[in-house]
Amino acid sequence: MTENKSTIQTAAGVPERERAVLVAVVRDSQELRQSEEYLDELEFLAETADITTVRRFSQRLPQPSSRIYVGPGKLEEIAAYCEEHAVDVAIFDDELTPAQTRNIERAMPCRILDRTRLILDIFLARAQTAYAKTQVQLAQYEYMLPRLAGLWTHLERQRGGTGTRGGAGEREIETDRRIVRNRISKLKEDLKKIDRQMAVQRSNRGQLVRVALVGYTNVGKSTLMNLIAKSEVFAENKLFATLDTTVRKVVFDNLPFLLSDTVGFIRKLPTELIESFKSTLDEVREADLLLHVVDISHPRFEDQIAVVKQTLQEIGAGDKPVYLVFNKIDAYTWTEKADDDLTPATDENRSLDDLKQSWIAKANTPCIFLSAKRRTNIDKFRQDLYGMVREIHAGRYPFNNFLY
């Protein structure tokens, strides 16, 4: 597997960031504003991979072209821009099929990345433990398998041979496919062994109440983890700052419980990653309570809530008790609504107090509004969390209530 470089070397040997254009199709069902916010997220992904965005391209279509994703004229426009401005990479906001990738590569003067490959590259760069690295490698190989002919550039030099049907090029592709399949099998076996070890570790924790932090990526889960558990979990304003699940024992007023921080979810999270990270997400499936952290300052935080709920359903944790934690109230901004009955109420023109009341009224789950960074309303959060853990503990150990 060839390694994907996100930087190039200058003459002085100093890494220089790659320059990229972003490409997206705006479906008929989407608002233009929503598509721009999706491109904002794609740009943040590129930034996380140390890639600088120089321009965005979008085109409204009923659905992406099955052949080249965008229309022929738009692809020519993108290719001409990349050629003129020496762009290094074009990043597409959907997972491209092998056929789309091959067709686009023929027309483009630069490297091609789709959203899935970009996320996989970020995961690989940020994986710290052997377990996380193995999971990401498995996801990358499964992504690569149907795309071998397009991804492995040395195969393009194979022009076939004589005396055999298909030629040397096809024989080498089949050999590479067999190598990748064997590698996938080996990685799956390695993960099974580690899974068994982790299952033993979880069983050795006894019957302590388990609480798991979940949420969209970059909503402040690790910051909240550090605040509650007084730990040193890596926290950074980049997507997927945390990949490896961290578990800490926390004690509130003689009441112990386990708190885990898990990988953040994201829109269009690659299927390969969901599958390979299912074992890591056992901490979520086995939790007694989920703390769903939400970045209330994000303009589409309700969409992010929906993505997290959908992902929880996919991993079999959709029925867990949930405490909604609206974080980053210090960053929440709003524009005062005009004093008339014609201006529709949106998240942008509702005050924080209005937003709080609307969510408290409509949420079917307890919620709280706080700032982990500024430690705003943290005491109330600790009181609520203590009460929920205590209730679960009392149900599990009805004769040990004297502890609290």
Protein backbone atom coordinates (compact mmCIF):
# COMPACT_ATOMS: atom_id res chain seq x y z
CA MET A 1 0.00 0.00 0.00
CA THR A 2 1.42 3.36 -0.97
CA GLU A 3 1.51 5.95 1.78
CA ASN A 4 -0.49 9.11 1.22
CA LYS A 5 1.62 12.23 1.81
CA SER A 6 -0.11 15.40 2.95
CA THR A 7 3.01 17.56 2.74
CA ILE A 8 5.72 18.09 0.17
CA GLN A 9 9.34 19.08 0.72
CA THR A 10 10.67 22.47 -0.27
CA ALA A 11 14.19 22.96 -1.55
CA ALA A 12 15.25 23.85 1.99
CA GLY A 13 13.82 20.60 3.29
CA VAL A 14 10.99 22.31 5.20
CA PRO A 15 7.60 20.60 4.79
CA GLU A 16 5.19 22.63 2.69
CA ARG A 17 1.47 22.00 2.98
CA GLU A 18 -0.39 20.62 0.01
CA ARG A 19 -2.94 22.87 -1.67
CA ALA A 20 -6.40 21.50 -2.42
CA VAL A 21 -9.70 22.29 -4.05
CA LEU A 22 -12.93 20.94 -2.58
CA VAL A 23 -15.65 19.50 -4.80
CA ALA A 24 -19.26 18.81 -3.81
CA VAL A 25 -22.59 18.02 -5.45
CA VAL A 26 -25.59 19.88 -4.03
CA ARG A 27 -28.61 17.59 -4.16
CA ASP A 28 -32.00 18.99 -5.08
CA SER A 29 -33.18 18.31 -1.54
CA GLN A 30 -30.36 20.39 -0.03
CA GLU A 31 -30.24 24.10 0.63
CA LEU A 32 -27.17 25.90 -0.71
CA ARG A 33 -26.40 27.08 2.80
CA GLN A 34 -26.38 23.50 4.08
CA SER A 35 -23.99 22.44 1.33
CA GLU A 36 -21.66 25.29 2.30
CA GLU A 37 -21.66 24.07 5.89
CA TYR A 38 -20.83 20.58 4.66
CA LEU A 39 -17.92 22.05 2.71
CA ASP A 40 -16.86 23.88 5.88
CA GLU A 41 -16.59 20.48 7.55
CA LEU A 42 -14.68 19.03 4.60
CA GLU A 43 -12.28 21.98 4.80
CA PHE A 44 -11.83 21.31 8.52
CA LEU A 45 -11.03 17.68 7.67
CA ALA A 46 -8.45 18.88 5.15
CA GLU A 47 -6.99 21.26 7.73
CA THR A 48 -6.73 18.37 10.19
CA ALA A 49 -4.72 16.51 7.53
CA ASP A 50 -2.44 19.57 7.10
CA ILE A 51 -3.89 20.41 3.68
CA THR A 52 -4.70 24.01 2.74
CA THR A 53 -7.92 24.68 0.82
CA VAL A 54 -7.56 27.25 -1.96
CA ARG A 55 -10.98 27.05 -3.63
CA ARG A 56 -14.34 25.30 -3.49
CA PHE A 57 -16.41 23.98 -6.39
CA SER A 58 -20.03 22.87 -6.11
CA GLN A 59 -22.71 21.95 -8.61
CA ARG A 60 -26.42 21.37 -8.12
CA LEU A 61 -27.51 18.01 -9.54
CA PRO A 62 -30.35 15.57 -8.76
CA GLN A 63 -27.59 13.14 -7.78
CA PRO A 64 -23.86 12.78 -8.47
CA SER A 65 -22.91 11.55 -11.92
CA SER A 66 -22.22 7.81 -11.83
CA ARG A 67 -19.33 8.36 -14.24
CA ILE A 68 -17.47 11.51 -13.11
CA TYR A 69 -19.41 12.71 -10.00
CA VAL A 70 -19.99 16.22 -11.44
CA GLY A 71 -21.00 17.25 -14.95
CA PRO A 72 -18.43 17.19 -17.81
CA GLY A 73 -18.26 20.98 -18.05
CA LYS A 74 -17.74 21.37 -14.30
CA LEU A 75 -14.98 18.74 -14.30
CA GLU A 76 -13.21 20.59 -17.12
CA GLU A 77 -13.48 23.83 -15.13
CA ILE A 78 -12.00 22.17 -12.03
CA ALA A 79 -9.19 20.54 -14.02
CA ALA A 80 -8.30 23.84 -15.72
CA TYR A 81 -8.16 25.66 -12.39
CA CYS A 82 -5.97 22.96 -10.85
CA GLU A 83 -3.64 23.08 -13.83
CA GLU A 84 -3.37 26.86 -13.80
CA HIS A 85 -2.86 27.21 -10.04
CA ALA A 86 -0.67 24.11 -9.50
CA VAL A 87 -3.15 22.50 -7.11
CA ASP A 88 -1.86 19.31 -5.50
CA VAL A 89 -5.08 17.49 -4.68
CA ALA A 90 -8.82 17.59 -5.38
CA ILE A 91 -10.99 16.41 -2.47
CA PHE A 92 -14.52 15.18 -3.17
CA ASP A 93 -17.20 15.37 -0.45
CA ASP A 94 -18.52 11.86 -1.06
CA GLU A 95 -17.03 8.41 -1.37
CA LEU A 96 -16.17 7.91 -5.03
CA THR A 97 -16.77 4.57 -6.70
CA PRO A 98 -13.77 2.85 -8.33
CA ALA A 99 -15.16 3.78 -11.77
CA GLN A 100 -15.66 7.43 -10.80
CA THR A 101 -12.12 7.58 -9.42
CA ARG A 102 -10.58 6.17 -12.60
CA ASN A 103 -12.56 8.49 -14.88
CA ILE A 104 -11.81 11.59 -12.81
CA GLU A 105 -8.10 10.74 -12.59
CA ARG A 106 -7.90 10.66 -16.40
CA ALA A 107 -9.21 14.24 -16.56
CA MET A 108 -7.41 15.79 -13.59
CA PRO A 109 -3.81 17.04 -13.44
CA CYS A 110 -3.55 16.40 -9.69
CA ARG A 111 -4.11 13.71 -7.08
CA ILE A 112 -7.67 12.69 -6.15
CA LEU A 113 -9.01 12.10 -2.66
CA ASP A 114 -12.57 11.32 -1.65
CA ARG A 115 -14.07 12.01 1.77
CA THR A 116 -13.62 8.40 2.91
CA ARG A 117 -9.94 8.22 1.99
CA LEU A 118 -9.29 11.58 3.68
CA ILE A 119 -10.89 10.39 6.93
CA LEU A 120 -8.98 7.11 6.76
CA ASP A 121 -5.70 9.00 6.33
CA ILE A 122 -6.51 11.21 9.34
CA PHE A 123 -7.36 8.17 11.43
CA LEU A 124 -4.10 6.47 10.48
CA ALA A 125 -2.06 9.57 11.33
CA ARG A 126 -3.78 9.96 14.72
CA ALA A 127 -3.91 6.33 15.86
CA GLN A 128 -1.59 5.86 18.83
CA THR A 129 -2.05 2.34 20.15
CA ALA A 130 -1.41 -0.89 18.26
CA TYR A 131 -5.12 -1.66 18.51
CA ALA A 132 -6.23 1.61 16.89
CA LYS A 133 -3.57 1.28 14.19
CA THR A 134 -4.72 -2.25 13.41
CA GLN A 135 -8.33 -1.12 13.16
CA VAL A 136 -7.49 1.72 10.78
CA GLN A 137 -5.21 -0.49 8.65
CA LEU A 138 -8.05 -2.98 8.30
CA ALA A 139 -10.43 -0.21 7.19
CA GLN A 140 -7.86 1.07 4.68
CA TYR A 141 -7.26 -2.34 3.12
CA GLU A 142 -11.02 -2.97 2.83
CA TYR A 143 -11.39 0.42 1.14
CA MET A 144 -8.45 -0.32 -1.15
CA LEU A 145 -9.46 -3.81 -2.30
CA PRO A 146 -11.99 -2.81 -5.02
CA ARG A 147 -9.77 0.12 -6.07
CA LEU A 148 -6.44 -1.62 -6.61
CA ALA A 149 -6.20 -0.90 -10.33
CA GLY A 150 -6.70 2.81 -9.69
CA LEU A 151 -4.66 3.21 -6.52
CA TRP A 152 -1.49 1.32 -7.36
CA THR A 153 0.19 3.42 -10.00
CA HIS A 154 2.84 0.82 -10.82
CA LEU A 155 0.11 -1.32 -12.38
CA GLU A 156 -0.52 1.34 -15.02
CA ARG A 157 2.83 0.45 -16.59
CA GLN A 158 1.71 -3.15 -17.15
CA ARG A 159 0.53 -3.43 -20.74
CA GLY A 160 -0.19 -7.15 -20.85
CA GLY A 161 1.88 -10.03 -22.18
CA THR A 162 1.75 -12.84 -24.71
CA GLY A 163 0.56 -16.38 -24.40
CA THR A 164 -1.82 -15.75 -21.51
CA ARG A 165 -5.30 -14.35 -21.43
CA GLY A 166 -5.41 -10.92 -19.83
CA GLY A 167 -1.66 -10.39 -19.76
CA ALA A 168 0.85 -9.68 -16.98
CA GLY A 169 -1.02 -6.60 -15.76
CA GLU A 170 -4.14 -8.53 -14.87
CA ARG A 171 -2.06 -11.30 -13.30
CA GLU A 172 -0.32 -8.75 -11.09
CA ILE A 173 -3.62 -7.16 -10.07
CA GLU A 174 -4.90 -10.59 -9.02
CA THR A 175 -1.69 -11.18 -7.09
CA ASP A 176 -2.10 -7.84 -5.31
CA ARG A 177 -5.73 -8.62 -4.53
CA ARG A 178 -4.70 -11.91 -2.99
CA ILE A 179 -2.04 -10.13 -0.91
CA VAL A 180 -4.58 -7.58 0.31
CA ARG A 181 -7.17 -10.27 1.13
CA ASN A 182 -4.55 -12.19 3.11
CA ARG A 183 -3.60 -9.01 4.93
CA ILE A 184 -7.26 -8.34 5.76
CA SER A 185 -7.63 -11.87 7.16
CA LYS A 186 -4.49 -11.44 9.27
CA LEU A 187 -5.65 -8.07 10.64
CA LYS A 188 -9.06 -9.51 11.54
CA GLU A 189 -7.38 -12.34 13.44
CA ASP A 190 -5.16 -9.85 15.26
CA LEU A 191 -8.22 -7.81 16.23
CA LYS A 192 -10.02 -10.90 17.53
CA LYS A 193 -7.09 -11.63 19.84
CA ILE A 194 -7.00 -8.06 21.13
CA ASP A 195 -10.81 -8.09 21.48
CA ARG A 196 -10.59 -11.12 23.74
CA GLN A 197 -7.96 -9.41 25.88
CA MET A 198 -10.07 -6.26 26.15
CA ALA A 199 -13.16 -8.28 27.03
CA VAL A 200 -11.21 -9.82 29.92
CA GLN A 201 -10.10 -6.36 31.02
CA ARG A 202 -13.70 -5.12 30.99
CA SER A 203 -14.89 -8.14 32.98
CA ASN A 204 -12.17 -7.51 35.58
CA ARG A 205 -13.61 -4.08 36.29
CA GLY A 206 -16.39 -5.69 38.27
CA GLN A 207 -19.90 -4.29 38.33
CA LEU A 208 -19.06 -0.61 38.55
CA VAL A 209 -21.52 1.69 36.81
CA ARG A 210 -20.19 2.60 33.36
CA VAL A 211 -20.67 6.02 31.80
CA ALA A 212 -19.54 6.76 28.22
CA LEU A 213 -19.01 10.11 26.53
CA VAL A 214 -20.35 10.12 22.98
CA GLY A 215 -20.95 12.82 20.40
CA TYR A 216 -19.95 14.37 17.12
CA THR A 217 -16.24 14.91 16.63
CA ASN A 218 -14.72 18.08 18.10
CA VAL A 219 -17.58 18.89 20.49
CA GLY A 220 -15.41 18.89 23.63
CA LYS A 221 -15.73 15.33 24.95
CA SER A 222 -12.06 15.03 25.90
CA THR A 223 -12.10 18.44 27.60
CA LEU A 224 -15.10 17.34 29.65
CA MET A 225 -13.37 14.02 30.39
CA ASN A 226 -10.32 15.85 31.74
CA LEU A 227 -12.55 18.06 33.86
CA ILE A 228 -14.54 15.23 35.43
CA ALA A 229 -11.83 12.61 35.79
CA LYS A 230 -8.90 15.01 36.35
CA SER A 231 -7.05 13.08 33.67
CA GLU A 232 -4.76 14.14 30.84
CA VAL A 233 -6.64 12.96 27.77
CA PHE A 234 -5.37 14.65 24.60
CA ALA A 235 -7.72 17.45 23.56
CA GLU A 236 -7.24 19.64 20.50
CA ASN A 237 -9.36 21.80 18.22
CA LYS A 238 -9.08 19.33 15.37
CA LEU A 239 -11.34 16.57 14.15
CA PHE A 240 -10.72 13.11 15.60
CA ALA A 241 -8.23 14.30 18.20
CA THR A 242 -9.15 11.16 20.19
CA LEU A 243 -9.17 7.71 18.58
CA ASP A 244 -8.18 5.40 21.40
CA THR A 245 -10.83 4.77 24.02
CA THR A 246 -9.78 6.10 27.42
CA VAL A 247 -11.35 4.74 30.61
CA ARG A 248 -10.92 6.38 34.00
CA LYS A 249 -12.28 5.54 37.43
CA VAL A 250 -14.13 8.51 38.92
CA VAL A 251 -15.37 8.91 42.51
CA PHE A 252 -18.09 11.40 43.43
CA ASP A 253 -18.73 11.55 47.20
CA ASN A 254 -17.62 7.93 47.79
CA LEU A 255 -19.62 6.76 44.76
CA PRO A 256 -17.24 5.17 42.19
CA PHE A 257 -18.00 4.72 38.49
CA LEU A 258 -16.10 4.27 35.22
CA LEU A 259 -16.01 7.07 32.64
CA SER A 260 -14.89 6.40 29.05
CA ASP A 261 -14.08 8.80 26.21
CA THR A 262 -14.60 7.38 22.71
CA VAL A 263 -13.94 8.34 19.09
CA GLY A 264 -16.18 11.09 17.77
CA PHE A 265 -18.78 10.46 15.09
CA ILE A 266 -19.13 12.40 11.86
CA ARG A 267 -21.44 12.76 8.88
CA LYS A 268 -20.79 10.06 6.26
CA LEU A 269 -18.48 8.13 8.60
CA PRO A 270 -16.98 5.43 6.36
CA THR A 271 -18.65 2.05 6.68
CA GLU A 272 -15.23 0.42 6.88
CA LEU A 273 -14.41 2.47 9.98
CA ILE A 274 -17.72 1.73 11.69
CA GLU A 275 -17.11 -1.98 11.17
CA SER A 276 -13.48 -1.98 12.27
CA PHE A 277 -14.13 0.27 15.29
CA LYS A 278 -17.12 -1.70 16.59
CA SER A 279 -14.93 -3.42 19.15
CA THR A 280 -13.60 -0.11 20.44
CA LEU A 281 -17.21 1.04 20.71
CA ASP A 282 -17.98 -1.88 23.01
CA GLU A 283 -17.44 0.69 25.76
CA VAL A 284 -20.50 2.48 24.39
CA ARG A 285 -22.61 -0.65 23.97
CA GLU A 286 -21.81 -1.85 27.49
CA ALA A 287 -22.33 1.54 29.15
CA ASP A 288 -25.13 2.08 31.65
CA LEU A 289 -25.43 5.78 30.76
CA LEU A 290 -24.40 7.82 27.72
CA LEU A 291 -23.35 11.45 28.04
CA HIS A 292 -24.19 12.81 24.59
CA VAL A 293 -22.05 15.94 24.25
CA VAL A 294 -23.30 18.55 21.75
CA ASP A 295 -21.53 21.68 20.47
CA ILE A 296 -24.39 24.16 20.82
CA SER A 297 -22.33 26.87 19.10
CA HIS A 298 -22.35 24.88 15.84
CA PRO A 299 -25.01 26.20 13.40
CA ARG A 300 -26.15 22.64 12.52
CA PHE A 301 -25.92 21.06 15.95
CA GLU A 302 -29.33 19.43 15.54
CA ASP A 303 -28.06 17.66 12.41
CA GLN A 304 -25.05 16.49 14.41
CA ILE A 305 -27.36 15.13 17.11
CA ALA A 306 -29.21 13.16 14.42
CA VAL A 307 -25.92 11.73 13.05
CA VAL A 308 -24.88 10.56 16.53
CA LYS A 309 -28.27 8.98 17.18
CA GLN A 310 -28.13 7.15 13.85
CA THR A 311 -24.60 5.88 14.54
CA LEU A 312 -25.63 4.69 18.00
CA GLN A 313 -28.43 2.73 16.39
CA GLU A 314 -25.98 1.19 13.90
CA ILE A 315 -23.67 -0.08 16.66
CA GLY A 316 -26.52 -1.42 18.78
CA ALA A 317 -26.55 1.29 21.47
CA GLY A 318 -29.62 3.23 20.45
CA ASP A 319 -31.66 2.23 23.51
CA LYS A 320 -29.23 3.42 26.19
CA PRO A 321 -30.23 6.06 28.76
CA VAL A 322 -28.90 9.43 27.56
CA TYR A 323 -27.99 12.70 29.28
CA LEU A 324 -27.73 15.51 26.70
CA VAL A 325 -24.82 17.83 27.49
CA PHE A 326 -24.95 21.06 25.47
CA ASN A 327 -21.36 22.28 25.59
CA LYS A 328 -19.64 25.51 24.44
CA ILE A 329 -22.34 27.93 25.60
CA ASP A 330 -19.51 30.48 25.86
CA ALA A 331 -19.18 30.34 22.05
CA TYR A 332 -22.91 30.51 21.29
CA THR A 333 -23.88 33.57 19.25
CA TRP A 334 -27.25 34.81 18.04
CA THR A 335 -28.79 37.62 16.04
CA GLU A 336 -31.80 39.31 17.58
CA LYS A 337 -34.96 38.52 15.66
CA ALA A 338 -36.83 41.42 14.10
CA ASP A 339 -39.79 42.61 16.13
CA ASP A 340 -42.45 41.22 13.82
CA ASP A 341 -44.28 38.00 13.21
CA LEU A 342 -42.79 37.39 9.77
CA THR A 343 -39.20 36.56 10.67
CA PRO A 344 -38.97 32.80 11.26
CA ALA A 345 -37.35 31.63 14.49
CA THR A 346 -34.06 29.85 13.82
CA ASP A 347 -31.13 28.81 16.00
CA GLU A 348 -29.32 31.93 14.80
CA ASN A 349 -31.95 34.38 16.05
CA ARG A 350 -32.94 32.63 19.26
CA SER A 351 -31.27 33.72 22.47
CA LEU A 352 -29.56 31.06 24.56
CA ASP A 353 -32.36 31.29 27.13
CA ASP A 354 -34.97 30.70 24.42
CA LEU A 355 -32.97 27.78 23.07
CA LYS A 356 -32.63 26.27 26.53
CA GLN A 357 -36.37 26.48 27.15
CA SER A 358 -37.23 24.97 23.78
CA TRP A 359 -34.90 22.01 24.27
CA ILE A 360 -35.85 21.42 27.88
CA ALA A 361 -39.49 21.41 26.76
CA LYS A 362 -39.12 19.10 23.76
CA ALA A 363 -36.30 16.76 24.78
CA ASN A 364 -37.36 13.32 25.95
CA THR A 365 -34.15 13.09 27.94
CA PRO A 366 -32.53 15.19 30.68
CA CYS A 367 -30.21 17.92 29.42
CA ILE A 368 -27.87 20.60 30.68
CA PHE A 369 -26.15 23.65 29.18
CA LEU A 370 -22.53 24.28 30.16
CA SER A 371 -19.03 25.27 29.07
CA ALA A 372 -16.33 22.74 29.84
CA LYS A 373 -13.67 25.25 28.78
CA ARG A 374 -14.95 28.02 31.09
CA ARG A 375 -16.23 25.56 33.74
CA THR A 376 -19.65 27.16 33.55
CA ASN A 377 -22.46 25.17 35.24
CA ILE A 378 -20.07 22.30 36.00
CA ASP A 379 -21.25 21.97 39.62
CA LYS A 380 -24.83 21.40 38.45
CA PHE A 381 -23.56 18.89 35.90
CA ARG A 382 -21.67 16.96 38.59
CA GLN A 383 -24.76 16.93 40.81
CA ASP A 384 -26.95 15.61 37.99
CA LEU A 385 -24.40 12.97 36.99
CA TYR A 386 -24.00 11.88 40.60
CA GLY A 387 -27.77 11.46 40.94
CA MET A 388 -28.02 9.36 37.76
CA VAL A 389 -25.08 7.12 38.69
CA ARG A 390 -26.44 6.76 42.20
CA GLU A 391 -29.83 5.66 40.87
CA ILE A 392 -28.22 3.00 38.63
CA HIS A 393 -25.96 1.87 41.48
CA ALA A 394 -28.90 1.62 43.88
CA GLY A 395 -30.77 -0.58 41.43
CA ARG A 396 -27.76 -2.86 41.05
CA TYR A 397 -26.87 -2.96 44.76
CA PRO A 398 -30.13 -2.34 46.65
CA PHE A 399 -28.55 -3.26 50.02
CA ASN A 400 -25.54 -0.98 49.68
CA ASN A 401 -27.38 2.32 49.69
CA PHE A 402 -25.71 3.23 52.98
CA LEU A 403 -22.60 4.12 50.95
CA TYR A 404 -24.26 7.35 49.92
